[in-house]
Amino acid sequence: MTAHQAHQPPPARQSATPVPVDDTPAAASADVIVVGAGGGGLPTALFSRWLGDEVILLEKADQVGGTARKAAFWYWIPGNEAMRTAGIDDPREDFLRYVSRLSRPTDYDPQSPTLGLDTWSYQQFEAIYDSASTAAETLREHGALPYRHVAQSCDYWAELPENAAPRGRVLIHEQASPSMADGGLRSVESMTRAALADGISLRTGHRVQRLVVDGPRVAGVEATDHDGRTVRFLARKAVIFATGGFTHDAELRKNYLSLPLYPGCGARTNEGDFVRIAGWAGAQLRNMNYAWMCPISLEGSIAGDPALTGVFSHGGDSMIMVDAAGRRVVNEKLQYNELAQEFFRWDPVTANYPNRVLVSVWDQRSQEHSASGDYGNPIVPAEADRPYVIQADTLAELADRVRERLARYSSHTGGLDLADDFLDNLTAAIERFNGFARRGVDDDFARGTTAVQFQFNGAVGPNPYPNATMHPISAEGPFYAALLTGGTLDTKGGPKATPDGRILDDTDTPIPGLFGVGNCVASASAGSYWAGGATLGPIIALAHRAARAAHQESARDRRGTEPAPA
């Protein structure tokens, strides 16, 4: 592995225009070149190596892991071995109905052979079910990703009748902490150890800029290293991209995402490289308007905080979220992808997004019992670094400080300010919420009515009231607040790929030698988020398939011809 100074910025993006195979010396060649050493690239490289292929793994950052390093790395595996051992049935037909119903609800037709979906989407879902468990077991058997079963974790839509197995599909690294928030770091570490032990050539600080082509066939890549040198790598079989989405490319976000999403918690290196590189090869783009979404810290996003993570679990029972007018507008315990939708509500009268920033408000009870550094919880321990937490002794003082904080970011929010009657409305919202908490029924937003809401409630103190997600907010300070907005976990759009990862051109013909895995290619899930781990589980399943398909490609020499017989 190439060693570089910690957190050195990657090389700048260059033109993605492909270059032909010629006599330019190559730094190295291998059967398979994998680009991107994160949650998609690491398992892809491992699967390829275990099939007997020589593998070069290129990563543009100075460390491996990408977004996976700071993720919990739950991976959602339908029909996994642990489920079978526990006697939990997960029929293929029911899985397909569940993901199809969520992904394309307006198209869903249970009487259709493809459940109303287009053939490509349906085949993607079939491939996930058919390969996920095998992929997980292969990683475990080789010691790269040992797991424990999170049997109690429920799917995000556990109550849907199409879901026959609402619990049991989640696996996590066996050495993850009890909170499981460090599962990503543990997974990256163990997969990296396996990659190095099994002879994968891992090179950090190499930003792939373009393809090397031999006629219509992809024959390798050119990269820029941290010293600014152009380095060529040739592939005898295939190049597989796993470079993440375009979360941190402002141009691509504005061009393709119809919502005012802020750059989120994906790795800073997720800049849509493959969108541009594959475009030059004639790749067809698909689902570019979709993203995995979550609330994020407005201030952390604007600051470009590399440690920023999504608000995957907003702790506290004595807390609410209000808009700039001080009105409660959402069920605060919704799963993060659904909670994020509230930030994008369009007001056709004012021609604006009034909820693009929401104010989370909590009291000392939640601060004492629900503070955590895990899962992006805005309620962080008192002893922690808390640059995005606003504190005051009274609600009036809190409102003033929130107004002052918003003023700093006026140029990033379209001039958003608190309404003149914010304090009056906030006081009324708290009083109304407190009545709901005492009765245990949220008449406005149905807080605490589905299984997943309790899963995202986090730790709370003793609560004598009937709904564990709600406790009256104190009339006495101190009070706390944080500014939240809607961000991307990562994007879902990119080149269209077959269930085996082959990149397709505009005629749905595979581009020879070019593959993609993970968030750098189009996801058939559209606007849905099926469950915790429903990003990484399918990625692992499809990585297994892509590695097998690449392995079956005919080996070629550096000029793209069949090797001469021995």
Protein backbone atom coordinates (compact mmCIF):
# COMPACT_ATOMS: atom_id res chain seq x y z
CA MET A 1 0.00 0.00 0.00
CA THR A 2 1.27 3.40 -0.84
CA ALA A 3 1.76 5.54 2.23
CA HIS A 4 0.76 9.21 2.23
CA GLN A 5 0.26 11.92 4.77
CA ALA A 6 -3.07 11.46 6.56
CA HIS A 7 -6.04 13.08 4.88
CA GLN A 8 -4.09 14.49 1.99
CA PRO A 9 -6.60 15.72 -0.62
CA PRO A 10 -6.92 13.49 -3.66
CA PRO A 11 -5.62 14.62 -7.05
CA ALA A 12 -7.85 17.05 -8.94
CA ARG A 13 -10.27 15.82 -11.58
CA GLN A 14 -9.06 15.87 -15.17
CA SER A 15 -10.72 15.23 -18.51
CA ALA A 16 -12.41 11.83 -18.69
CA THR A 17 -11.75 11.44 -22.41
CA PRO A 18 -10.58 7.84 -22.91
CA VAL A 19 -7.19 7.04 -24.40
CA PRO A 20 -6.33 4.16 -26.71
CA VAL A 21 -4.06 1.27 -25.92
CA ASP A 22 -0.63 2.05 -27.31
CA ASP A 23 3.00 1.57 -26.34
CA THR A 24 2.73 3.76 -23.26
CA PRO A 25 4.32 1.79 -20.42
CA ALA A 26 1.89 0.53 -17.82
CA ALA A 27 2.68 0.69 -14.12
CA ALA A 28 1.09 -2.72 -13.70
CA SER A 29 -1.44 -5.09 -15.17
CA ALA A 30 -3.85 -7.58 -13.65
CA ASP A 31 -6.79 -9.74 -14.56
CA VAL A 32 -9.19 -7.38 -12.85
CA ILE A 33 -8.82 -3.75 -11.83
CA VAL A 34 -11.23 -2.55 -9.13
CA VAL A 35 -11.61 1.22 -8.73
CA GLY A 36 -12.68 2.38 -5.29
CA ALA A 37 -11.82 0.68 -1.99
CA GLY A 38 -15.00 1.24 0.01
CA GLY A 39 -18.03 -0.82 0.92
CA GLY A 40 -18.44 -1.95 -2.68
CA GLY A 41 -14.87 -2.13 -3.94
CA LEU A 42 -13.36 -4.13 -1.07
CA PRO A 43 -15.77 -7.08 -1.34
CA THR A 44 -15.61 -6.95 -5.15
CA ALA A 45 -11.82 -7.18 -5.06
CA LEU A 46 -11.97 -10.02 -2.54
CA PHE A 47 -14.52 -12.03 -4.53
CA SER A 48 -12.39 -11.60 -7.66
CA ARG A 49 -9.23 -12.69 -5.88
CA TRP A 50 -10.88 -15.77 -4.38
CA LEU A 51 -11.92 -16.80 -7.89
CA GLY A 52 -8.22 -16.90 -8.78
CA ASP A 53 -7.92 -13.53 -10.52
CA GLU A 54 -4.97 -11.22 -10.05
CA VAL A 55 -6.44 -7.96 -8.72
CA ILE A 56 -5.30 -4.34 -8.49
CA LEU A 57 -7.44 -2.18 -6.20
CA LEU A 58 -7.14 1.59 -6.75
CA GLU A 59 -8.38 4.19 -4.25
CA LYS A 60 -8.17 7.93 -4.80
CA ALA A 61 -8.18 8.84 -1.08
CA ASP A 62 -5.17 8.32 1.13
CA GLN A 63 -7.01 5.66 3.13
CA VAL A 64 -9.40 2.89 2.25
CA GLY A 65 -13.02 2.60 3.31
CA GLY A 66 -14.81 5.61 1.85
CA THR A 67 -18.24 6.18 3.35
CA ALA A 68 -18.17 2.70 4.90
CA ARG A 69 -15.52 3.81 7.44
CA LYS A 70 -18.03 5.96 9.31
CA ALA A 71 -21.11 3.81 8.69
CA ALA A 72 -22.62 1.24 11.01
CA PHE A 73 -22.29 -1.20 8.11
CA TRP A 74 -25.45 -3.07 8.79
CA TYR A 75 -25.92 -5.25 5.75
CA TRP A 76 -29.39 -6.44 4.87
CA ILE A 77 -29.28 -9.99 3.60
CA PRO A 78 -32.60 -11.66 2.71
CA GLY A 79 -32.80 -15.36 3.45
CA ASN A 80 -29.48 -15.30 5.30
CA GLU A 81 -28.10 -18.39 6.97
CA ALA A 82 -28.70 -17.05 10.48
CA MET A 83 -32.38 -16.58 9.63
CA ARG A 84 -32.61 -20.12 8.37
CA THR A 85 -30.90 -21.46 11.48
CA ALA A 86 -33.34 -19.52 13.65
CA GLY A 87 -36.28 -20.91 11.69
CA ILE A 88 -37.25 -17.53 10.17
CA ASP A 89 -38.82 -18.06 6.77
CA ASP A 90 -38.05 -15.44 4.11
CA PRO A 91 -39.76 -16.58 0.90
CA ARG A 92 -38.35 -15.23 -2.34
CA GLU A 93 -41.77 -14.25 -3.64
CA ASP A 94 -42.57 -12.19 -0.55
CA PHE A 95 -39.20 -10.44 -0.64
CA LEU A 96 -39.82 -9.47 -4.26
CA ARG A 97 -43.28 -8.17 -3.43
CA TYR A 98 -41.95 -6.09 -0.53
CA VAL A 99 -39.14 -4.35 -2.42
CA SER A 100 -41.24 -3.91 -5.57
CA ARG A 101 -44.16 -2.41 -3.66
CA LEU A 102 -41.88 0.11 -1.95
CA SER A 103 -39.69 0.98 -4.94
CA ARG A 104 -42.43 1.63 -7.48
CA PRO A 105 -45.72 1.98 -5.58
CA THR A 106 -47.58 3.52 -8.54
CA ASP A 107 -46.47 0.70 -10.85
CA TYR A 108 -46.86 -2.17 -8.41
CA ASP A 109 -49.18 -4.93 -9.63
CA PRO A 110 -49.14 -8.19 -7.65
CA GLN A 111 -50.76 -10.01 -10.58
CA SER A 112 -48.02 -9.11 -13.05
CA PRO A 113 -45.15 -11.57 -13.71
CA THR A 114 -42.75 -8.73 -12.87
CA LEU A 115 -45.05 -7.20 -10.22
CA GLY A 116 -45.62 -4.22 -12.51
CA LEU A 117 -41.94 -3.29 -12.71
CA ASP A 118 -39.80 -2.98 -15.81
CA THR A 119 -37.68 -6.04 -16.53
CA TRP A 120 -34.41 -4.39 -15.49
CA SER A 121 -35.67 -3.41 -12.02
CA TYR A 122 -37.28 -6.78 -11.39
CA GLN A 123 -34.15 -8.67 -12.40
CA GLN A 124 -32.07 -6.51 -10.08
CA PHE A 125 -34.29 -7.51 -7.17
CA GLU A 126 -34.15 -11.18 -8.13
CA ALA A 127 -30.36 -10.99 -8.24
CA ILE A 128 -30.19 -9.46 -4.76
CA TYR A 129 -32.26 -12.23 -3.23
CA ASP A 130 -30.49 -15.00 -5.15
CA SER A 131 -26.94 -13.88 -4.33
CA ALA A 132 -27.01 -11.99 -1.02
CA SER A 133 -26.71 -14.93 1.36
CA THR A 134 -24.02 -16.65 -0.73
CA ALA A 135 -22.02 -13.42 -0.82
CA ALA A 136 -22.28 -12.91 2.94
CA GLU A 137 -21.28 -16.47 3.69
CA THR A 138 -18.33 -16.30 1.30
CA LEU A 139 -17.01 -13.22 3.09
CA ARG A 140 -17.52 -14.87 6.47
CA GLU A 141 -15.92 -18.18 5.51
CA HIS A 142 -12.78 -16.40 4.32
CA GLY A 143 -12.57 -14.39 7.56
CA ALA A 144 -13.03 -11.08 5.73
CA LEU A 145 -16.39 -10.16 7.21
CA PRO A 146 -17.37 -12.28 10.21
CA TYR A 147 -20.84 -11.35 11.39
CA ARG A 148 -23.38 -11.59 14.13
CA HIS A 149 -27.10 -11.67 13.54
CA VAL A 150 -29.15 -8.61 14.52
CA ALA A 151 -32.38 -10.55 14.80
CA GLN A 152 -34.27 -7.78 16.59
CA SER A 153 -33.75 -5.14 13.89
CA CYS A 154 -36.94 -4.54 11.95
CA ASP A 155 -37.33 -3.46 8.34
CA TYR A 156 -38.36 0.15 7.86
CA TRP A 157 -41.81 -0.90 6.66
CA ALA A 158 -42.32 -3.87 8.93
CA GLU A 159 -46.10 -3.51 8.90
CA LEU A 160 -46.57 -3.83 5.14
CA PRO A 161 -48.50 -7.01 4.33
CA GLU A 162 -46.06 -7.76 1.51
CA ASN A 163 -43.24 -8.18 4.04
CA ALA A 164 -43.33 -11.76 5.34
CA ALA A 165 -40.03 -11.42 7.23
CA PRO A 166 -40.02 -7.98 8.88
CA ARG A 167 -37.13 -8.92 11.19
CA GLY A 168 -33.94 -10.94 10.87
CA ARG A 169 -32.33 -9.78 7.63
CA VAL A 170 -29.66 -7.59 9.25
CA LEU A 171 -26.08 -8.77 9.83
CA ILE A 172 -23.20 -6.77 11.33
CA HIS A 173 -19.52 -7.32 11.99
CA GLU A 174 -19.13 -9.64 14.94
CA GLN A 175 -16.67 -7.28 16.64
CA ALA A 176 -18.87 -4.21 16.41
CA SER A 177 -19.61 -2.51 19.73
CA PRO A 178 -22.96 -3.02 21.49
CA SER A 179 -24.29 0.17 19.83
CA MET A 180 -23.09 -1.24 16.47
CA ALA A 181 -22.19 2.28 15.30
CA ASP A 182 -18.56 1.27 14.63
CA GLY A 183 -19.48 -1.67 12.40
CA GLY A 184 -18.17 0.12 9.32
CA LEU A 185 -14.71 0.69 10.72
CA ARG A 186 -14.49 -2.93 11.87
CA SER A 187 -15.68 -4.16 8.46
CA VAL A 188 -13.20 -2.00 6.55
CA GLU A 189 -10.37 -3.15 8.79
CA SER A 190 -11.10 -6.86 8.43
CA MET A 191 -11.72 -6.72 4.68
CA THR A 192 -8.53 -4.70 4.18
CA ARG A 193 -6.52 -7.24 6.19
CA ALA A 194 -7.97 -10.02 4.06
CA ALA A 195 -7.21 -8.14 0.85
CA LEU A 196 -3.55 -7.63 1.76
CA ALA A 197 -3.16 -11.17 3.10
CA ASP A 198 -4.63 -12.65 -0.08
CA GLY A 199 -2.30 -10.75 -2.39
CA ILE A 200 -4.48 -7.93 -3.72
CA SER A 201 -2.35 -5.01 -4.90
CA LEU A 202 -3.91 -2.09 -2.99
CA ARG A 203 -2.84 1.40 -4.04
CA THR A 204 -4.20 4.50 -2.30
CA GLY A 205 -3.74 8.05 -3.56
CA HIS A 206 -4.58 7.07 -7.15
CA ARG A 207 -7.47 8.95 -8.76
CA VAL A 208 -8.70 7.17 -11.87
CA GLN A 209 -9.32 9.81 -14.52
CA ARG A 210 -10.22 7.93 -17.70
CA LEU A 211 -10.50 4.59 -19.43
CA VAL A 212 -7.90 2.95 -21.62
CA VAL A 213 -9.74 1.43 -24.57
CA ASP A 214 -8.95 -0.97 -27.38
CA GLY A 215 -11.66 -0.23 -29.90
CA PRO A 216 -14.98 -0.86 -28.15
CA ARG A 217 -13.35 -2.79 -25.31
CA VAL A 218 -12.20 -1.31 -22.01
CA ALA A 219 -8.60 -2.41 -21.53
CA GLY A 220 -7.57 -0.50 -18.41
CA VAL A 221 -7.49 2.90 -16.72
CA GLU A 222 -5.27 5.93 -16.32
CA ALA A 223 -4.92 7.48 -12.90
CA THR A 224 -3.19 10.45 -11.31
CA ASP A 225 -1.15 9.74 -8.21
CA HIS A 226 -0.48 12.14 -5.33
CA ASP A 227 2.70 13.30 -7.03
CA GLY A 228 0.71 14.41 -10.08
CA ARG A 229 2.01 11.66 -12.35
CA THR A 230 -0.21 9.93 -14.88
CA VAL A 231 -0.10 6.20 -14.26
CA ARG A 232 -1.58 3.51 -16.51
CA PHE A 233 -2.99 0.18 -15.32
CA LEU A 234 -4.10 -2.52 -17.77
CA ALA A 235 -6.74 -5.19 -17.22
CA ARG A 236 -6.58 -8.55 -18.92
CA LYS A 237 -10.24 -9.25 -18.17
CA ALA A 238 -12.21 -6.30 -16.81
CA VAL A 239 -12.34 -3.00 -14.95
CA ILE A 240 -14.93 -2.80 -12.14
CA PHE A 241 -15.84 0.63 -10.75
CA ALA A 242 -17.09 1.02 -7.17
CA THR A 243 -16.46 4.72 -6.64
CA GLY A 244 -19.65 5.86 -4.92
CA GLY A 245 -22.19 8.41 -6.03
CA PHE A 246 -22.03 12.13 -6.75
CA THR A 247 -22.92 13.46 -3.29
CA HIS A 248 -20.05 15.94 -3.29
CA ASP A 249 -20.22 17.21 -6.86
CA ALA A 250 -22.27 20.41 -6.83
CA GLU A 251 -22.70 20.48 -10.61
CA LEU A 252 -24.10 16.94 -10.82
CA ARG A 253 -26.37 17.48 -7.81
CA LYS A 254 -27.87 20.62 -9.36
CA ASN A 255 -28.22 19.02 -12.79
CA TYR A 256 -29.85 15.78 -11.68
CA LEU A 257 -31.44 16.09 -8.24
CA SER A 258 -34.72 17.98 -8.25
CA LEU A 259 -34.63 18.66 -4.49
CA PRO A 260 -32.53 21.21 -2.56
CA LEU A 261 -30.31 18.53 -1.07
CA TYR A 262 -27.17 19.59 0.76
CA PRO A 263 -23.96 17.59 0.38
CA GLY A 264 -24.31 14.91 2.98
CA CYS A 265 -22.40 12.32 4.87
CA GLY A 266 -20.96 10.30 2.00
CA ALA A 267 -17.19 10.29 1.73
CA ARG A 268 -15.79 13.55 0.36
CA THR A 269 -14.36 11.55 -2.52
CA ASN A 270 -17.86 10.66 -3.77
CA GLU A 271 -17.76 13.11 -6.66
CA GLY A 272 -19.47 11.21 -9.46
CA ASP A 273 -16.25 10.19 -11.20
CA PHE A 274 -17.85 7.18 -12.85
CA VAL A 275 -20.72 9.22 -14.29
CA ARG A 276 -18.26 11.21 -16.37
CA ILE A 277 -15.85 8.37 -17.12
CA ALA A 278 -18.54 5.92 -18.22
CA GLY A 279 -20.30 8.65 -20.19
CA TRP A 280 -17.32 8.80 -22.53
CA ALA A 281 -17.69 5.08 -23.10
CA GLY A 282 -21.31 5.54 -24.17
CA ALA A 283 -22.91 4.29 -20.96
CA GLN A 284 -26.63 4.78 -20.45
CA LEU A 285 -27.56 6.70 -17.29
CA ARG A 286 -30.51 5.71 -15.11
CA ASN A 287 -32.31 6.95 -11.98
CA MET A 288 -30.14 10.05 -11.71
CA ASN A 289 -32.87 11.91 -9.81
CA TYR A 290 -32.80 9.64 -6.75
CA ALA A 291 -30.70 9.62 -3.59
CA TRP A 292 -30.41 7.86 -0.26
CA MET A 293 -31.48 10.71 2.03
CA CYS A 294 -31.17 11.62 5.68
CA PRO A 295 -31.27 14.68 7.92
CA ILE A 296 -27.87 16.23 8.49
CA SER A 297 -26.42 19.11 10.43
CA LEU A 298 -26.79 22.27 8.35
CA GLU A 299 -23.66 23.73 9.88
CA GLY A 300 -21.64 20.56 9.47
CA SER A 301 -22.57 20.30 5.81
CA ILE A 302 -21.70 23.92 5.06
CA ALA A 303 -18.40 23.57 6.91
CA GLY A 304 -17.51 20.46 4.89
CA ASP A 305 -16.95 18.55 8.11
CA PRO A 306 -15.24 15.26 7.10
CA ALA A 307 -16.67 13.57 10.20
CA LEU A 308 -20.22 14.54 9.28
CA THR A 309 -22.68 11.70 9.46
CA GLY A 310 -26.39 11.61 8.88
CA VAL A 311 -28.93 11.90 11.66
CA PHE A 312 -29.85 8.24 11.52
CA SER A 313 -31.34 8.24 15.02
CA HIS A 314 -32.55 11.38 16.72
CA GLY A 315 -32.54 10.44 20.37
CA GLY A 316 -34.75 11.81 23.09
CA ASP A 317 -38.40 11.51 24.03
CA SER A 318 -38.72 15.12 25.25
CA MET A 319 -37.82 16.72 21.91
CA ILE A 320 -39.57 18.09 18.86
CA MET A 321 -38.63 19.57 15.47
CA VAL A 322 -40.15 22.87 14.34
CA ASP A 323 -40.00 25.04 11.25
CA ALA A 324 -38.85 28.66 11.03
CA ALA A 325 -42.29 29.73 12.22
CA GLY A 326 -41.96 27.62 15.37
CA ARG A 327 -44.56 25.07 14.32
CA ARG A 328 -44.10 21.34 14.70
CA VAL A 329 -44.22 19.85 11.19
CA VAL A 330 -43.16 16.20 11.28
CA ASN A 331 -43.04 12.91 13.16
CA GLU A 332 -39.52 13.15 14.56
CA LYS A 333 -39.13 9.38 14.93
CA LEU A 334 -39.61 8.47 11.29
CA GLN A 335 -36.84 6.51 9.63
CA TYR A 336 -34.23 8.91 8.27
CA ASN A 337 -34.98 8.62 4.54
CA GLU A 338 -38.65 9.45 5.24
CA LEU A 339 -37.91 12.13 7.80
CA ALA A 340 -35.72 13.85 5.22
CA GLN A 341 -38.71 14.32 2.89
CA GLU A 342 -40.09 17.04 5.14
CA PHE A 343 -37.21 19.36 4.28
CA PHE A 344 -38.26 19.33 0.62
CA ARG A 345 -41.89 20.37 1.00
CA TRP A 346 -42.69 22.97 -1.67
CA ASP A 347 -44.98 25.89 -0.89
CA PRO A 348 -46.64 27.00 -4.17
CA VAL A 349 -47.92 30.20 -2.57
CA THR A 350 -44.56 31.56 -1.44
CA ALA A 351 -42.61 29.69 -4.15
CA ASN A 352 -40.16 28.36 -1.61
CA TYR A 353 -39.08 25.42 0.50
CA PRO A 354 -40.14 26.69 3.93
CA ASN A 355 -38.81 23.64 5.77
CA ARG A 356 -35.37 23.50 4.17
CA VAL A 357 -34.00 24.04 7.68
CA LEU A 358 -35.76 22.68 10.76
CA VAL A 359 -34.90 23.40 14.38
CA SER A 360 -34.58 20.45 16.71
CA VAL A 361 -35.41 21.45 20.30
CA TRP A 362 -34.88 19.36 23.45
CA ASP A 363 -34.68 19.79 27.21
CA GLN A 364 -32.31 18.78 29.97
CA ARG A 365 -34.03 15.41 30.44
CA SER A 366 -33.17 14.33 26.91
CA GLN A 367 -29.71 15.84 27.26
CA GLU A 368 -29.05 13.74 30.37
CA HIS A 369 -30.60 10.46 29.22
CA SER A 370 -30.31 10.46 25.43
CA ALA A 371 -26.96 12.03 24.59
CA SER A 372 -24.84 9.88 22.31
CA GLY A 373 -22.06 10.19 19.79
CA ASP A 374 -23.55 7.40 17.66
CA TYR A 375 -25.71 7.48 14.54
CA GLY A 376 -25.49 11.24 14.09
CA ASN A 377 -27.64 12.00 17.12
CA PRO A 378 -27.78 15.83 17.50
CA ILE A 379 -27.98 15.33 21.26
CA VAL A 380 -24.31 14.80 22.04
CA PRO A 381 -22.67 14.37 25.45
CA ALA A 382 -21.89 17.53 27.39
CA GLU A 383 -18.19 16.70 27.47
CA ALA A 384 -18.00 16.25 23.67
CA ASP A 385 -17.09 18.87 21.12
CA ARG A 386 -20.50 20.43 20.34
CA PRO A 387 -20.03 23.16 17.70
CA TYR A 388 -23.51 22.62 16.24
CA VAL A 389 -25.47 22.61 19.52
CA ILE A 390 -27.18 25.81 20.68
CA GLN A 391 -27.87 26.14 24.42
CA ALA A 392 -29.85 28.66 26.46
CA ASP A 393 -31.50 28.97 29.85
CA THR A 394 -34.91 30.01 28.48
CA LEU A 395 -36.90 29.42 25.32
CA ALA A 396 -36.76 33.14 24.56
CA GLU A 397 -32.97 33.14 24.76
CA LEU A 398 -32.86 29.95 22.68
CA ALA A 399 -34.94 31.61 19.95
CA ASP A 400 -32.56 34.58 19.88
CA ARG A 401 -29.53 32.36 19.58
CA VAL A 402 -31.12 30.25 16.82
CA ARG A 403 -31.88 33.46 14.93
CA GLU A 404 -28.27 34.60 15.32
CA ARG A 405 -26.97 31.23 14.15
CA LEU A 406 -29.22 31.22 11.07
CA ALA A 407 -27.98 34.69 10.13
CA ARG A 408 -24.47 33.25 9.67
CA TYR A 409 -25.75 30.94 6.96
CA SER A 410 -28.14 33.26 5.16
CA SER A 411 -26.28 32.91 1.85
CA HIS A 412 -26.64 29.11 2.03
CA THR A 413 -30.34 28.99 2.90
CA GLY A 414 -31.96 31.52 0.62
CA GLY A 415 -32.04 34.08 3.43
CA LEU A 416 -34.05 31.91 5.81
CA ASP A 417 -34.90 33.64 9.10
CA LEU A 418 -37.17 32.89 12.03
CA ALA A 419 -40.69 34.31 11.92
CA ASP A 420 -41.46 37.20 14.27
CA ASP A 421 -43.86 34.98 16.21
CA PHE A 422 -41.45 32.01 16.37
CA LEU A 423 -41.29 32.04 20.18
CA ASP A 424 -45.07 32.18 20.61
CA ASN A 425 -45.57 29.33 18.15
CA LEU A 426 -42.77 27.24 19.68
CA THR A 427 -44.30 27.66 23.13
CA ALA A 428 -47.69 26.57 21.79
CA ALA A 429 -46.14 23.62 19.93
CA ILE A 430 -44.46 22.40 23.12
CA GLU A 431 -47.70 22.73 25.09
CA ARG A 432 -49.61 20.75 22.46
CA PHE A 433 -46.90 18.07 22.25
CA ASN A 434 -46.86 17.75 26.03
CA GLY A 435 -50.57 17.01 26.00
CA PHE A 436 -50.01 14.28 23.43
CA ALA A 437 -47.16 12.86 25.53
CA ARG A 438 -49.31 12.62 28.66
CA ARG A 439 -52.06 10.79 26.73
CA GLY A 440 -49.62 8.71 24.68
CA VAL A 441 -51.27 9.61 21.37
CA ASP A 442 -49.81 12.05 18.83
CA ASP A 443 -52.90 13.35 17.05
CA ASP A 444 -50.84 15.41 14.61
CA PHE A 445 -48.12 13.07 13.34
CA ALA A 446 -48.73 9.61 14.85
CA ARG A 447 -45.39 9.45 16.66
CA GLY A 448 -44.72 6.06 18.18
CA THR A 449 -47.16 4.01 16.10
CA THR A 450 -44.84 1.73 14.12
CA ALA A 451 -42.04 -0.61 15.13
CA VAL A 452 -39.28 1.32 13.40
CA GLN A 453 -40.08 4.49 15.35
CA PHE A 454 -39.21 2.79 18.59
CA GLN A 455 -36.03 1.47 17.00
CA PHE A 456 -34.98 5.04 16.26
CA ASN A 457 -36.03 6.44 19.63
CA GLY A 458 -32.61 5.83 21.12
CA ALA A 459 -31.92 5.60 24.83
CA VAL A 460 -34.37 7.49 27.05
CA GLY A 461 -34.82 7.92 30.77
CA PRO A 462 -37.59 6.32 32.84
CA ASN A 463 -40.85 7.28 31.19
CA PRO A 464 -44.15 6.83 33.08
CA TYR A 465 -46.24 7.84 30.08
CA PRO A 466 -47.91 5.35 27.70
CA ASN A 467 -45.83 6.10 24.57
CA ALA A 468 -42.09 5.53 25.00
CA THR A 469 -41.25 7.97 22.21
CA MET A 470 -42.91 10.93 23.97
CA HIS A 471 -42.32 12.64 27.30
CA PRO A 472 -43.45 16.19 28.17
CA ILE A 473 -40.80 18.83 27.53
CA SER A 474 -39.81 20.65 30.70
CA ALA A 475 -41.06 24.17 31.44
CA GLU A 476 -37.65 24.98 32.91
CA GLY A 477 -34.34 25.34 31.14
CA PRO A 478 -31.75 24.75 30.06
CA PHE A 479 -32.94 24.11 26.51
CA TYR A 480 -30.99 22.98 23.48
CA ALA A 481 -31.34 23.24 19.71
CA ALA A 482 -29.65 22.17 16.48
CA LEU A 483 -30.19 23.26 12.87
CA LEU A 484 -31.00 20.31 10.62
CA THR A 485 -31.50 20.06 6.87
CA GLY A 486 -31.97 17.38 4.24
CA GLY A 487 -28.87 15.79 2.82
CA THR A 488 -27.65 12.85 0.82
CA LEU A 489 -26.29 9.73 2.39
CA ASP A 490 -25.29 9.13 -1.21
CA THR A 491 -26.89 9.28 -4.63
CA LYS A 492 -28.58 6.38 -6.43
CA GLY A 493 -28.13 7.27 -10.08
CA GLY A 494 -25.42 6.34 -12.54
CA PRO A 495 -24.67 4.06 -15.47
CA LYS A 496 -27.21 1.31 -16.01
CA ALA A 497 -25.79 -2.12 -15.24
CA THR A 498 -27.02 -5.67 -15.65
CA PRO A 499 -27.58 -7.76 -12.49
CA ASP A 500 -24.02 -9.00 -13.13
CA GLY A 501 -22.59 -5.49 -13.14
CA ARG A 502 -21.98 -5.14 -16.90
CA ILE A 503 -22.35 -1.52 -17.96
CA LEU A 504 -24.89 -0.98 -20.73
CA ASP A 505 -24.85 1.49 -23.62
CA ASP A 506 -27.91 3.28 -24.98
CA THR A 507 -29.03 0.14 -26.82
CA ASP A 508 -28.78 -1.97 -23.64
CA THR A 509 -25.68 -3.68 -25.04
CA PRO A 510 -22.88 -4.41 -22.55
CA ILE A 511 -19.71 -2.36 -23.00
CA PRO A 512 -16.96 -5.00 -23.17
CA GLY A 513 -14.70 -5.07 -20.14
CA LEU A 514 -16.57 -2.43 -18.12
CA PHE A 515 -18.42 -3.20 -14.87
CA GLY A 516 -19.86 -1.23 -11.97
CA VAL A 517 -20.97 -1.95 -8.40
CA GLY A 518 -22.59 0.07 -5.64
CA ASN A 519 -23.72 3.68 -5.58
CA CYS A 520 -21.73 4.61 -8.68
CA VAL A 521 -24.29 2.69 -10.78
CA ALA A 522 -28.06 3.02 -10.94
CA SER A 523 -30.08 1.50 -8.12
CA ALA A 524 -33.46 -0.02 -8.92
CA SER A 525 -34.72 0.94 -5.46
CA ALA A 526 -35.77 4.39 -6.78
CA GLY A 527 -37.03 6.57 -3.91
CA SER A 528 -37.36 3.80 -1.34
CA TYR A 529 -35.20 2.71 1.59
CA TRP A 530 -36.21 -0.83 2.51
CA ALA A 531 -34.38 -1.33 5.78
CA GLY A 532 -31.21 -0.62 7.71
CA GLY A 533 -28.39 -2.07 5.65
CA ALA A 534 -30.43 -1.98 2.45
CA THR A 535 -27.59 -0.13 0.77
CA LEU A 536 -24.72 -2.42 1.71
CA GLY A 537 -26.53 -5.75 1.59
CA PRO A 538 -27.54 -5.43 -2.07
CA ILE A 539 -24.12 -3.97 -2.90
CA ILE A 540 -22.40 -7.06 -1.47
CA ALA A 541 -24.79 -9.35 -3.36
CA LEU A 542 -24.22 -7.59 -6.69
CA ALA A 543 -20.46 -7.34 -6.07
CA HIS A 544 -20.37 -11.13 -5.84
CA ARG A 545 -22.16 -11.41 -9.17
CA ALA A 546 -19.96 -8.80 -10.87
CA ALA A 547 -16.77 -10.53 -9.75
CA ARG A 548 -18.00 -13.84 -11.17
CA ALA A 549 -19.00 -12.26 -14.46
CA ALA A 550 -15.65 -10.46 -14.77
CA HIS A 551 -13.85 -13.70 -13.99
CA GLN A 552 -15.55 -15.33 -16.95
CA GLU A 553 -14.29 -12.68 -19.37
CA SER A 554 -11.63 -13.89 -21.78
CA ALA A 555 -8.14 -12.85 -20.69
CA ARG A 556 -6.42 -10.48 -23.12
CA ASP A 557 -2.94 -9.18 -23.48
CA ARG A 558 -2.06 -5.49 -23.19
CA ARG A 559 -3.12 -4.77 -26.77
CA GLY A 560 -6.55 -6.29 -26.21
CA THR A 561 -5.98 -9.44 -28.23
CA GLU A 562 -6.40 -13.00 -27.11
CA PRO A 563 -3.17 -14.28 -25.58
CA ALA A 564 -1.15 -16.56 -27.79
CA PRO A 565 -1.35 -20.27 -27.02
CA ALA A 566 1.41 -21.56 -24.79
